[in-house]
Amino acid sequence: MTTMNVRATRAGFLSAAALAALVALVGLGAVPAAAATAADVPPPAATPEKAASAPETLETLSRFFARDGAVARSAAQPRVEGASVPVRVLSPDFVAGKAGAPVARVEFHASKAVASDGQTASLWTVRQAGGGWQVVNIATGDDEIRYAAQGVRALPGGIVFREPQIDAWYVQKGAKVLPLDEDAVRAVGKNGTSLTAYRDRVARAYGDKLPGSAYARKGTAGGYDTPAAAHDEPLVTVASGTAGAGAALALALIATRTWRRHRPTA
């Protein structure tokens, strides 16, 4: 039986000071943790693109791209390319079979950042409860943007989404679900499947791990999270776009993709 979620995310929000301290702890901060205050958190921007290209974000990107010594911080010269894309993940309402539930829900928006040496990163932004957008995470690579573009080519007008439990990407339009990566091909075949058949599959796989289930009551948040002990890398707070992110969110930056695949549990 597989776990309902394999993303390295945790429920609940950290304070601005705690987030700034986390950045310092992973070697990306510019101020001592003791000096971190709400003033270290940039204000929300009017759009995801403006949040991604804000001076504070670009400065943090320079540190991010320089973290392994591949490029000097002063030479990283990060830039943000193109528009942001909404990132959707498999919806628990769809898994539960609720009438009219879409296959996926928007969890955040992603923008592509590029360094002078060709490194790429994905900037995750969420809408704040009081209005505006804020960057809450940076992840290596550009999966979100790349699969969004691939989905448009494979099924114009479709909705691209991710099944995080197996790190699979799909595009859905009407009654058709097509795979966009190898994990999705293994799940539904290279020619894809019907929306009904896909729901039957995820209901069998995750139906007993939804919010309110015995699985969730064991301590896995809503059936969508795993205990800290199960992870082999630092955890990152990421707000759901449907949950209403608090104003305390800031740049909690971990130099990795922010999910890990876990072994099946009994």
C-alpha atoms as a PDB file:
ATOM      1  CA  MET A   1       0.000   0.000   0.000  1.00  0.00           C
ATOM      2  CA  THR A   2       1.526   3.283  -1.044  1.00  0.00           C
ATOM      3  CA  THR A   3       1.536   6.467   0.976  1.00  0.00           C
ATOM      4  CA  MET A   4      -0.929   9.130  -0.107  1.00  0.00           C
ATOM      5  CA  ASN A   5       1.722  11.787  -0.550  1.00  0.00           C
ATOM      6  CA  VAL A   6       5.410  11.819  -1.340  1.00  0.00           C
ATOM      7  CA  ARG A   7       6.031  15.555  -1.381  1.00  0.00           C
ATOM      8  CA  ALA A   8       8.397  16.899   1.250  1.00  0.00           C
ATOM      9  CA  THR A   9       5.829  19.380   2.524  1.00  0.00           C
ATOM     10  CA  ARG A  10       4.386  19.921   5.969  1.00  0.00           C
ATOM     11  CA  ALA A  11       1.054  21.237   7.182  1.00  0.00           C
ATOM     12  CA  GLY A  12       0.986  24.575   8.982  1.00  0.00           C
ATOM     13  CA  PHE A  13       2.812  27.840   8.378  1.00  0.00           C
ATOM     14  CA  LEU A  14       6.030  29.149   9.879  1.00  0.00           C
ATOM     15  CA  SER A  15       6.483  32.671  11.145  1.00  0.00           C
ATOM     16  CA  ALA A  16       8.445  35.129   9.048  1.00  0.00           C
ATOM     17  CA  ALA A  17      11.341  34.963  11.502  1.00  0.00           C
ATOM     18  CA  ALA A  18      11.327  31.164  11.497  1.00  0.00           C
ATOM     19  CA  LEU A  19      11.388  31.067   7.713  1.00  0.00           C
ATOM     20  CA  ALA A  20      14.259  33.535   7.514  1.00  0.00           C
ATOM     21  CA  ALA A  21      16.082  31.441  10.110  1.00  0.00           C
ATOM     22  CA  LEU A  22      15.503  28.326   8.001  1.00  0.00           C
ATOM     23  CA  VAL A  23      17.076  30.046   5.000  1.00  0.00           C
ATOM     24  CA  ALA A  24      20.123  30.869   7.127  1.00  0.00           C
ATOM     25  CA  LEU A  25      20.352  27.331   8.469  1.00  0.00           C
ATOM     26  CA  VAL A  26      20.586  25.823   4.994  1.00  0.00           C
ATOM     27  CA  GLY A  27      23.332  28.239   4.050  1.00  0.00           C
ATOM     28  CA  LEU A  28      21.270  30.506   1.844  1.00  0.00           C
ATOM     29  CA  GLY A  29      20.540  33.367   4.227  1.00  0.00           C
ATOM     30  CA  ALA A  30      22.319  36.699   4.291  1.00  0.00           C
ATOM     31  CA  VAL A  31      21.455  37.604   7.893  1.00  0.00           C
ATOM     32  CA  PRO A  32      22.033  35.724  11.158  1.00  0.00           C
ATOM     33  CA  ALA A  33      19.014  33.735  12.333  1.00  0.00           C
ATOM     34  CA  ALA A  34      18.901  35.784  15.542  1.00  0.00           C
ATOM     35  CA  ALA A  35      18.450  38.965  13.525  1.00  0.00           C
ATOM     36  CA  ALA A  36      15.640  37.636  11.355  1.00  0.00           C
ATOM     37  CA  THR A  37      12.421  39.655  11.606  1.00  0.00           C
ATOM     38  CA  ALA A  38       9.271  40.263   9.622  1.00  0.00           C
ATOM     39  CA  ALA A  39      11.214  42.997   7.817  1.00  0.00           C
ATOM     40  CA  ASP A  40      13.229  40.238   6.100  1.00  0.00           C
ATOM     41  CA  VAL A  41      10.084  39.063   4.290  1.00  0.00           C
ATOM     42  CA  PRO A  42       9.394  40.913   1.030  1.00  0.00           C
ATOM     43  CA  PRO A  43       5.849  42.279   0.684  1.00  0.00           C
ATOM     44  CA  PRO A  44       3.393  40.443  -1.587  1.00  0.00           C
ATOM     45  CA  ALA A  45       3.499  41.423  -5.251  1.00  0.00           C
ATOM     46  CA  ALA A  46       0.587  42.154  -7.585  1.00  0.00           C
ATOM     47  CA  THR A  47       1.251  39.126  -9.817  1.00  0.00           C
ATOM     48  CA  PRO A  48       3.229  35.863  -9.645  1.00  0.00           C
ATOM     49  CA  GLU A  49       5.599  37.258 -12.267  1.00  0.00           C
ATOM     50  CA  LYS A  50       6.334  40.389 -10.227  1.00  0.00           C
ATOM     51  CA  ALA A  51       6.936  38.283  -7.110  1.00  0.00           C
ATOM     52  CA  ALA A  52       9.318  36.029  -9.044  1.00  0.00           C
ATOM     53  CA  SER A  53      11.298  38.915 -10.534  1.00  0.00           C
ATOM     54  CA  ALA A  54      11.442  41.089  -7.414  1.00  0.00           C
ATOM     55  CA  PRO A  55      14.962  42.262  -6.431  1.00  0.00           C
ATOM     56  CA  GLU A  56      14.824  40.240  -3.193  1.00  0.00           C
ATOM     57  CA  THR A  57      13.938  37.103  -5.131  1.00  0.00           C
ATOM     58  CA  LEU A  58      16.715  37.610  -7.680  1.00  0.00           C
ATOM     59  CA  GLU A  59      19.238  38.126  -4.870  1.00  0.00           C
ATOM     60  CA  THR A  60      18.112  34.881  -3.228  1.00  0.00           C
ATOM     61  CA  LEU A  61      18.292  33.129  -6.604  1.00  0.00           C
ATOM     62  CA  SER A  62      21.928  34.223  -6.913  1.00  0.00           C
ATOM     63  CA  ARG A  63      22.670  32.477  -3.620  1.00  0.00           C
ATOM     64  CA  PHE A  64      20.605  29.483  -4.677  1.00  0.00           C
ATOM     65  CA  PHE A  65      22.436  28.983  -7.964  1.00  0.00           C
ATOM     66  CA  ALA A  66      25.814  29.485  -6.259  1.00  0.00           C
ATOM     67  CA  ARG A  67      25.112  27.025  -3.421  1.00  0.00           C
ATOM     68  CA  ASP A  68      27.300  24.209  -4.825  1.00  0.00           C
ATOM     69  CA  GLY A  69      30.048  26.431  -6.169  1.00  0.00           C
ATOM     70  CA  ALA A  70      29.050  25.830  -9.787  1.00  0.00           C
ATOM     71  CA  VAL A  71      28.901  29.573 -10.378  1.00  0.00           C
ATOM     72  CA  ALA A  72      29.959  32.548  -8.292  1.00  0.00           C
ATOM     73  CA  ARG A  73      27.123  34.347  -6.578  1.00  0.00           C
ATOM     74  CA  SER A  74      28.176  37.616  -8.205  1.00  0.00           C
ATOM     75  CA  ALA A  75      28.185  35.943 -11.629  1.00  0.00           C
ATOM     76  CA  ALA A  76      24.920  33.981 -11.380  1.00  0.00           C
ATOM     77  CA  GLN A  77      22.897  36.800 -12.978  1.00  0.00           C
ATOM     78  CA  PRO A  78      19.544  35.021 -12.593  1.00  0.00           C
ATOM     79  CA  ARG A  79      16.650  35.992 -14.797  1.00  0.00           C
ATOM     80  CA  VAL A  80      13.000  34.936 -14.870  1.00  0.00           C
ATOM     81  CA  GLU A  81      11.731  33.749 -18.235  1.00  0.00           C
ATOM     82  CA  GLY A  82       8.160  33.868 -19.516  1.00  0.00           C
ATOM     83  CA  ALA A  83       4.863  33.864 -17.681  1.00  0.00           C
ATOM     84  CA  SER A  84       4.068  31.799 -14.606  1.00  0.00           C
ATOM     85  CA  VAL A  85       1.962  28.654 -14.929  1.00  0.00           C
ATOM     86  CA  PRO A  86      -0.644  27.284 -12.509  1.00  0.00           C
ATOM     87  CA  VAL A  87       0.520  23.980 -11.016  1.00  0.00           C
ATOM     88  CA  ARG A  88      -2.257  21.497 -10.353  1.00  0.00           C
ATOM     89  CA  VAL A  89      -2.127  18.331  -8.278  1.00  0.00           C
ATOM     90  CA  LEU A  90      -4.495  15.390  -8.007  1.00  0.00           C
ATOM     91  CA  SER A  91      -7.575  16.463  -6.036  1.00  0.00           C
ATOM     92  CA  PRO A  92      -8.743  14.462  -3.003  1.00  0.00           C
ATOM     93  CA  ASP A  93     -12.322  15.334  -3.965  1.00  0.00           C
ATOM     94  CA  PHE A  94     -11.786  13.643  -7.330  1.00  0.00           C
ATOM     95  CA  VAL A  95     -10.266  10.603  -5.616  1.00  0.00           C
ATOM     96  CA  ALA A  96     -13.272  10.460  -3.297  1.00  0.00           C
ATOM     97  CA  GLY A  97     -15.641  10.545  -6.267  1.00  0.00           C
ATOM     98  CA  LYS A  98     -17.419  13.789  -5.371  1.00  0.00           C
ATOM     99  CA  ALA A  99     -19.826  14.852  -8.094  1.00  0.00           C
ATOM    100  CA  GLY A 100     -18.392  17.494 -10.389  1.00  0.00           C
ATOM    101  CA  ALA A 101     -14.951  17.483  -8.756  1.00  0.00           C
ATOM    102  CA  PRO A 102     -12.153  18.326 -11.206  1.00  0.00           C
ATOM    103  CA  VAL A 103      -9.290  15.882 -11.528  1.00  0.00           C
ATOM    104  CA  ALA A 104      -6.829  18.344 -10.007  1.00  0.00           C
ATOM    105  CA  ARG A 105      -6.660  21.595  -8.076  1.00  0.00           C
ATOM    106  CA  VAL A 106      -4.263  24.537  -8.359  1.00  0.00           C
ATOM    107  CA  GLU A 107      -1.714  24.406  -5.551  1.00  0.00           C
ATOM    108  CA  PHE A 108       0.683  27.195  -6.576  1.00  0.00           C
ATOM    109  CA  HIS A 109       2.036  29.061  -9.593  1.00  0.00           C
ATOM    110  CA  ALA A 110       5.526  28.396 -10.948  1.00  0.00           C
ATOM    111  CA  SER A 111       7.955  30.640 -12.816  1.00  0.00           C
ATOM    112  CA  LYS A 112      11.147  29.555 -14.558  1.00  0.00           C
ATOM    113  CA  ALA A 113      14.441  31.064 -13.422  1.00  0.00           C
ATOM    114  CA  VAL A 114      17.710  30.660 -15.355  1.00  0.00           C
ATOM    115  CA  ALA A 115      21.292  31.352 -14.246  1.00  0.00           C
ATOM    116  CA  SER A 116      24.168  32.554 -16.413  1.00  0.00           C
ATOM    117  CA  ASP A 117      25.624  29.021 -16.514  1.00  0.00           C
ATOM    118  CA  GLY A 118      22.347  27.456 -17.666  1.00  0.00           C
ATOM    119  CA  GLN A 119      21.082  26.175 -14.317  1.00  0.00           C
ATOM    120  CA  THR A 120      17.293  26.324 -14.002  1.00  0.00           C
ATOM    121  CA  ALA A 121      14.968  26.590 -11.050  1.00  0.00           C
ATOM    122  CA  SER A 122      11.253  26.806 -10.421  1.00  0.00           C
ATOM    123  CA  LEU A 123       9.925  29.649  -8.266  1.00  0.00           C
ATOM    124  CA  TRP A 124       6.730  28.719  -6.438  1.00  0.00           C
ATOM    125  CA  THR A 125       4.333  31.567  -5.656  1.00  0.00           C
ATOM    126  CA  VAL A 126       1.033  31.537  -3.769  1.00  0.00           C
ATOM    127  CA  ARG A 127      -1.713  34.117  -3.397  1.00  0.00           C
ATOM    128  CA  GLN A 128      -1.773  35.661   0.068  1.00  0.00           C
ATOM    129  CA  ALA A 129      -4.940  35.901   2.160  1.00  0.00           C
ATOM    130  CA  GLY A 130      -4.628  39.686   2.247  1.00  0.00           C
ATOM    131  CA  GLY A 131      -4.004  39.947  -1.491  1.00  0.00           C
ATOM    132  CA  GLY A 132      -0.941  39.778  -3.686  1.00  0.00           C
ATOM    133  CA  TRP A 133       1.511  36.970  -4.406  1.00  0.00           C
ATOM    134  CA  GLN A 134       4.605  35.746  -2.608  1.00  0.00           C
ATOM    135  CA  VAL A 135       7.397  33.296  -3.426  1.00  0.00           C
ATOM    136  CA  VAL A 136       7.382  30.441  -0.912  1.00  0.00           C
ATOM    137  CA  ASN A 137       9.892  28.030  -2.393  1.00  0.00           C
ATOM    138  CA  ILE A 138      12.607  27.526  -4.998  1.00  0.00           C
ATOM    139  CA  ALA A 139      13.088  24.064  -6.500  1.00  0.00           C
ATOM    140  CA  THR A 140      15.815  22.903  -8.857  1.00  0.00           C
ATOM    141  CA  GLY A 141      14.886  22.264 -12.468  1.00  0.00           C
ATOM    142  CA  ASP A 142      11.903  23.460 -14.462  1.00  0.00           C
ATOM    143  CA  ASP A 143       9.523  20.471 -14.359  1.00  0.00           C
ATOM    144  CA  GLU A 144       6.417  22.584 -13.796  1.00  0.00           C
ATOM    145  CA  ILE A 145       6.989  24.880 -16.756  1.00  0.00           C
ATOM    146  CA  ARG A 146       8.293  22.112 -19.036  1.00  0.00           C
ATOM    147  CA  TYR A 147       5.334  19.777 -18.475  1.00  0.00           C
ATOM    148  CA  ALA A 148       2.863  22.641 -18.869  1.00  0.00           C
ATOM    149  CA  ALA A 149       4.280  23.301 -22.339  1.00  0.00           C
ATOM    150  CA  GLN A 150       4.399  19.598 -23.168  1.00  0.00           C
ATOM    151  CA  GLY A 151       0.747  19.212 -22.193  1.00  0.00           C
ATOM    152  CA  VAL A 152      -0.309  21.998 -24.555  1.00  0.00           C
ATOM    153  CA  ARG A 153       1.403  20.191 -27.414  1.00  0.00           C
ATOM    154  CA  ALA A 154      -0.001  16.775 -26.508  1.00  0.00           C
ATOM    155  CA  LEU A 155      -3.595  17.864 -25.894  1.00  0.00           C
ATOM    156  CA  PRO A 156      -4.324  21.510 -26.739  1.00  0.00           C
ATOM    157  CA  GLY A 157      -6.697  23.084 -24.254  1.00  0.00           C
ATOM    158  CA  GLY A 158      -6.092  20.351 -21.697  1.00  0.00           C
ATOM    159  CA  ILE A 159      -5.306  20.636 -17.988  1.00  0.00           C
ATOM    160  CA  VAL A 160      -1.820  19.571 -16.918  1.00  0.00           C
ATOM    161  CA  PHE A 161      -1.564  18.054 -13.455  1.00  0.00           C
ATOM    162  CA  ARG A 162       0.703  15.980 -11.273  1.00  0.00           C
ATOM    163  CA  GLU A 163      -0.038  12.837  -9.287  1.00  0.00           C
ATOM    164  CA  PRO A 164       2.502  13.468  -6.511  1.00  0.00           C
ATOM    165  CA  GLN A 165       2.210  10.020  -4.983  1.00  0.00           C
ATOM    166  CA  ILE A 166       4.137   8.530  -7.915  1.00  0.00           C
ATOM    167  CA  ASP A 167       5.629  11.748  -9.325  1.00  0.00           C
ATOM    168  CA  ALA A 168       3.629  11.359 -12.549  1.00  0.00           C
ATOM    169  CA  TRP A 169       2.555  14.146 -14.899  1.00  0.00           C
ATOM    170  CA  TYR A 170      -0.569  14.042 -17.101  1.00  0.00           C
ATOM    171  CA  VAL A 171      -2.748  16.211 -19.291  1.00  0.00           C
ATOM    172  CA  GLN A 172      -6.535  15.842 -19.167  1.00  0.00           C
ATOM    173  CA  LYS A 173      -9.218  17.146 -21.503  1.00  0.00           C
ATOM    174  CA  GLY A 174     -12.794  15.943 -21.412  1.00  0.00           C
ATOM    175  CA  ALA A 175     -12.816  12.185 -20.985  1.00  0.00           C
ATOM    176  CA  LYS A 176      -9.138  11.699 -21.987  1.00  0.00           C
ATOM    177  CA  VAL A 177      -6.068  11.473 -19.756  1.00  0.00           C
ATOM    178  CA  LEU A 178      -2.658  11.312 -21.472  1.00  0.00           C
ATOM    179  CA  PRO A 179       0.731  10.624 -19.838  1.00  0.00           C
ATOM    180  CA  LEU A 180       3.506  13.217 -20.037  1.00  0.00           C
ATOM    181  CA  ASP A 181       6.375  11.316 -18.404  1.00  0.00           C
ATOM    182  CA  GLU A 182       7.606   7.772 -17.797  1.00  0.00           C
ATOM    183  CA  ASP A 183       5.926   7.497 -14.398  1.00  0.00           C
ATOM    184  CA  ALA A 184       2.577   8.344 -15.964  1.00  0.00           C
ATOM    185  CA  VAL A 185       3.160   5.886 -18.817  1.00  0.00           C
ATOM    186  CA  ARG A 186       3.738   3.136 -16.265  1.00  0.00           C
ATOM    187  CA  ALA A 187       0.492   4.098 -14.553  1.00  0.00           C
ATOM    188  CA  VAL A 188      -1.883   4.466 -17.505  1.00  0.00           C
ATOM    189  CA  GLY A 189      -0.007   3.203 -20.587  1.00  0.00           C
ATOM    190  CA  LYS A 190       1.551   5.162 -23.420  1.00  0.00           C
ATOM    191  CA  ASN A 191      -1.820   5.816 -25.061  1.00  0.00           C
ATOM    192  CA  GLY A 192      -3.396   7.099 -21.876  1.00  0.00           C
ATOM    193  CA  THR A 193      -6.774   6.193 -20.430  1.00  0.00           C
ATOM    194  CA  SER A 194     -10.270   7.535 -19.879  1.00  0.00           C
ATOM    195  CA  LEU A 195     -11.047   9.935 -17.059  1.00  0.00           C
ATOM    196  CA  THR A 196     -13.386   7.342 -15.537  1.00  0.00           C
ATOM    197  CA  ALA A 197     -10.734   4.624 -15.618  1.00  0.00           C
ATOM    198  CA  TYR A 198      -8.174   7.010 -14.150  1.00  0.00           C
ATOM    199  CA  ARG A 199     -10.498   7.873 -11.273  1.00  0.00           C
ATOM    200  CA  ASP A 200     -11.084   4.169 -10.620  1.00  0.00           C
ATOM    201  CA  ARG A 201      -7.322   3.658 -10.435  1.00  0.00           C
ATOM    202  CA  VAL A 202      -6.606   6.504  -8.020  1.00  0.00           C
ATOM    203  CA  ALA A 203      -9.637   5.591  -5.912  1.00  0.00           C
ATOM    204  CA  ARG A 204      -8.244   2.079  -5.491  1.00  0.00           C
ATOM    205  CA  ALA A 205      -4.763   3.390  -4.761  1.00  0.00           C
ATOM    206  CA  TYR A 206      -5.597   6.284  -2.425  1.00  0.00           C
ATOM    207  CA  GLY A 207      -9.244   6.031  -1.423  1.00  0.00           C
ATOM    208  CA  ASP A 208      -8.411   4.740   2.053  1.00  0.00           C
ATOM    209  CA  LYS A 209      -5.916   7.566   2.703  1.00  0.00           C
ATOM    210  CA  LEU A 210      -8.146  10.606   2.304  1.00  0.00           C
ATOM    211  CA  PRO A 211      -8.798  13.221   5.017  1.00  0.00           C
ATOM    212  CA  GLY A 212     -10.728  11.642   7.873  1.00  0.00           C
ATOM    213  CA  SER A 213      -9.451   8.144   7.135  1.00  0.00           C
ATOM    214  CA  ALA A 214      -7.690   5.890   9.636  1.00  0.00           C
ATOM    215  CA  TYR A 215      -4.537   6.491   7.612  1.00  0.00           C
ATOM    216  CA  ALA A 216      -4.866  10.232   8.138  1.00  0.00           C
ATOM    217  CA  ARG A 217      -5.601   9.805  11.853  1.00  0.00           C
ATOM    218  CA  LYS A 218      -2.250   8.068  12.301  1.00  0.00           C
ATOM    219  CA  GLY A 219      -0.632  11.459  11.909  1.00  0.00           C
ATOM    220  CA  THR A 220      -0.280  11.851   8.144  1.00  0.00           C
ATOM    221  CA  ALA A 221      -1.933  15.200   7.533  1.00  0.00           C
ATOM    222  CA  GLY A 222      -5.131  14.679   5.594  1.00  0.00           C
ATOM    223  CA  GLY A 223      -3.645  11.515   4.132  1.00  0.00           C
ATOM    224  CA  TYR A 224      -1.462  13.881   2.111  1.00  0.00           C
ATOM    225  CA  ASP A 225       1.675  14.061   4.184  1.00  0.00           C
ATOM    226  CA  THR A 226       4.241  11.842   5.844  1.00  0.00           C
ATOM    227  CA  PRO A 227       5.802  12.069   9.298  1.00  0.00           C
ATOM    228  CA  ALA A 228       9.081  13.959   9.475  1.00  0.00           C
ATOM    229  CA  ALA A 229      10.952  10.747  10.254  1.00  0.00           C
ATOM    230  CA  ALA A 230      10.002   9.354   6.858  1.00  0.00           C
ATOM    231  CA  HIS A 231      11.909  12.032   4.972  1.00  0.00           C
ATOM    232  CA  ASP A 232      15.586  11.981   4.137  1.00  0.00           C
ATOM    233  CA  GLU A 233      15.856  15.693   3.341  1.00  0.00           C
ATOM    234  CA  PRO A 234      14.703  18.959   4.948  1.00  0.00           C
ATOM    235  CA  LEU A 235      11.012  19.783   4.928  1.00  0.00           C
ATOM    236  CA  VAL A 236       9.559  22.849   3.264  1.00  0.00           C
ATOM    237  CA  THR A 237       6.332  24.659   4.078  1.00  0.00           C
ATOM    238  CA  VAL A 238       4.274  25.068   0.911  1.00  0.00           C
ATOM    239  CA  ALA A 239       0.821  26.612   0.975  1.00  0.00           C
ATOM    240  CA  SER A 240      -1.991  25.206  -1.131  1.00  0.00           C
ATOM    241  CA  GLY A 241      -3.477  27.735  -3.511  1.00  0.00           C
ATOM    242  CA  THR A 242      -6.898  26.625  -2.275  1.00  0.00           C
ATOM    243  CA  ALA A 243      -6.008  26.864   1.409  1.00  0.00           C
ATOM    244  CA  GLY A 244      -5.466  30.617   1.672  1.00  0.00           C
ATOM    245  CA  ALA A 245      -1.815  31.191   2.491  1.00  0.00           C
ATOM    246  CA  GLY A 246      -1.031  33.397   5.473  1.00  0.00           C
ATOM    247  CA  ALA A 247       0.995  36.577   5.284  1.00  0.00           C
ATOM    248  CA  ALA A 248       3.748  34.919   7.328  1.00  0.00           C
ATOM    249  CA  LEU A 249       4.971  32.857   4.384  1.00  0.00           C
ATOM    250  CA  ALA A 250       8.326  33.759   2.856  1.00  0.00           C
ATOM    251  CA  LEU A 251      11.274  32.262   0.979  1.00  0.00           C
ATOM    252  CA  ALA A 252      11.857  28.859   2.555  1.00  0.00           C
ATOM    253  CA  LEU A 253      14.495  27.735   0.132  1.00  0.00           C
ATOM    254  CA  ILE A 254      15.881  24.210  -0.033  1.00  0.00           C
ATOM    255  CA  ALA A 255      18.359  23.332  -2.768  1.00  0.00           C
ATOM    256  CA  THR A 256      16.487  20.312  -4.124  1.00  0.00           C
ATOM    257  CA  ARG A 257      13.279  19.279  -5.757  1.00  0.00           C
ATOM    258  CA  THR A 258      10.770  19.488  -2.937  1.00  0.00           C
ATOM    259  CA  TRP A 259       9.484  15.961  -3.118  1.00  0.00           C
ATOM    260  CA  ARG A 260      10.948  12.536  -2.690  1.00  0.00           C
ATOM    261  CA  ARG A 261       9.515   9.202  -3.692  1.00  0.00           C
ATOM    262  CA  HIS A 262       9.072   6.843  -0.769  1.00  0.00           C
ATOM    263  CA  ARG A 263       9.003   3.087  -0.569  1.00  0.00           C
ATOM    264  CA  PRO A 264       5.564   1.466  -0.210  1.00  0.00           C
ATOM    265  CA  THR A 265       4.374   0.997   3.349  1.00  0.00           C
ATOM    266  CA  ALA A 266       2.452  -1.965   4.624  1.00  0.00           C
END
